[in-house]
């Protein structure tokens, strides 16, 4: 089974009460754009957010194991030195 068949339809996401308003708004905005441009921008956004989430999780794992979390530089630049602001 391909990944495309596992994805819900756009209409299903827009009508899903469990889907976040942020996702619905982003999807509605993307539907107003060129489909290829929107897909490319979405792929970049997903990759950036994945990298940020990975960095945050790595920081949390480190803090949980030795209590001396060093915040990754990218997170420090965007959120400042206080790790509590990103949890």
Protein backbone atom coordinates (compact mmCIF):
# COMPACT_ATOMS: atom_id res chain seq x y z
CA UNK A 1 0.00 0.00 0.00
CA UNK A 2 1.47 3.37 -0.95
CA UNK A 3 1.71 6.33 1.42
CA UNK A 4 -0.77 8.26 -0.71
CA UNK A 5 -3.52 5.74 -0.02
CA UNK A 6 -2.93 6.13 3.74
CA UNK A 7 -3.45 9.91 3.63
CA UNK A 8 -6.90 11.31 4.29
CA UNK A 9 -8.56 13.35 1.57
CA UNK A 10 -8.32 17.14 1.81
CA UNK A 11 -12.06 17.36 2.45
CA UNK A 12 -11.76 14.84 5.27
CA UNK A 13 -9.11 16.92 7.01
CA UNK A 14 -11.08 20.14 6.57
CA UNK A 15 -14.20 18.51 8.02
CA UNK A 16 -12.42 16.65 10.83
CA UNK A 17 -13.23 18.26 14.19
CA UNK A 18 -10.04 16.73 15.60
CA UNK A 19 -7.82 18.45 13.00
CA UNK A 20 -6.21 21.62 14.32
CA UNK A 21 -7.33 25.04 13.16
CA UNK A 22 -3.71 25.78 12.24
CA UNK A 23 -3.65 22.80 9.87
CA UNK A 24 -7.02 23.67 8.36
CA UNK A 25 -6.00 27.31 7.83
CA UNK A 26 -2.68 26.29 6.30
CA UNK A 27 -4.43 23.83 4.02
CA UNK A 28 -7.03 26.41 2.91
CA UNK A 29 -4.27 28.94 2.19
CA UNK A 30 -2.28 26.36 0.24
CA UNK A 31 -5.31 25.50 -1.87
CA UNK A 32 -5.36 29.11 -3.11
CA UNK A 33 -1.78 28.85 -4.41
CA UNK A 34 -0.07 27.10 -7.28
CA UNK A 35 -0.13 23.41 -6.30
CA UNK A 36 3.56 22.78 -7.05
CA UNK A 37 4.73 25.88 -5.17
CA UNK A 38 2.52 24.99 -2.21
CA UNK A 39 3.82 21.40 -2.18
CA UNK A 40 7.45 22.55 -2.33
CA UNK A 41 6.93 25.09 0.45
CA UNK A 42 5.10 22.49 2.54
CA UNK A 43 7.93 19.99 2.13
CA UNK A 44 10.46 22.60 3.29
CA UNK A 45 8.26 23.59 6.23
CA UNK A 46 7.88 19.94 7.25
CA UNK A 47 11.64 19.37 7.06
CA UNK A 48 12.37 22.49 9.14
CA UNK A 49 9.81 21.53 11.78
CA UNK A 50 11.08 17.94 11.86
CA UNK A 51 14.63 19.18 12.46
CA UNK A 52 13.42 21.53 15.22
CA UNK A 53 11.44 18.74 16.89
CA UNK A 54 14.42 16.38 16.69
CA UNK A 55 16.66 19.02 18.30
CA UNK A 56 14.16 19.66 21.08
CA UNK A 57 13.75 15.96 21.77
CA UNK A 58 17.51 15.46 21.83
CA UNK A 59 17.84 18.32 24.30
CA UNK A 60 15.12 16.85 26.51
CA UNK A 61 16.68 13.39 26.40
CA UNK A 62 20.04 14.84 27.41
CA UNK A 63 18.48 16.81 30.23
CA UNK A 64 16.67 13.71 31.46
CA UNK A 65 19.84 11.61 31.51
CA UNK A 66 22.39 13.99 32.99
CA UNK A 67 20.59 17.23 33.80
CA UNK A 68 22.98 19.35 31.75
CA UNK A 69 21.08 19.99 28.56
CA UNK A 70 22.97 22.03 26.00
CA UNK A 71 20.41 23.64 23.75
CA UNK A 72 21.23 23.22 20.05
CA UNK A 73 22.41 26.46 18.42
CA UNK A 74 19.41 26.67 16.08
CA UNK A 75 17.01 26.48 19.02
CA UNK A 76 19.05 28.96 21.06
CA UNK A 77 18.91 31.48 18.19
CA UNK A 78 15.17 31.17 17.77
CA UNK A 79 14.13 30.79 21.45
CA UNK A 80 16.90 32.19 23.59
CA UNK A 81 19.05 30.45 26.18
CA UNK A 82 16.25 29.45 28.57
CA UNK A 83 15.28 25.87 27.71
CA UNK A 84 12.03 26.26 29.62
CA UNK A 85 10.67 28.55 26.91
CA UNK A 86 10.68 25.70 24.40
CA UNK A 87 9.12 22.90 26.46
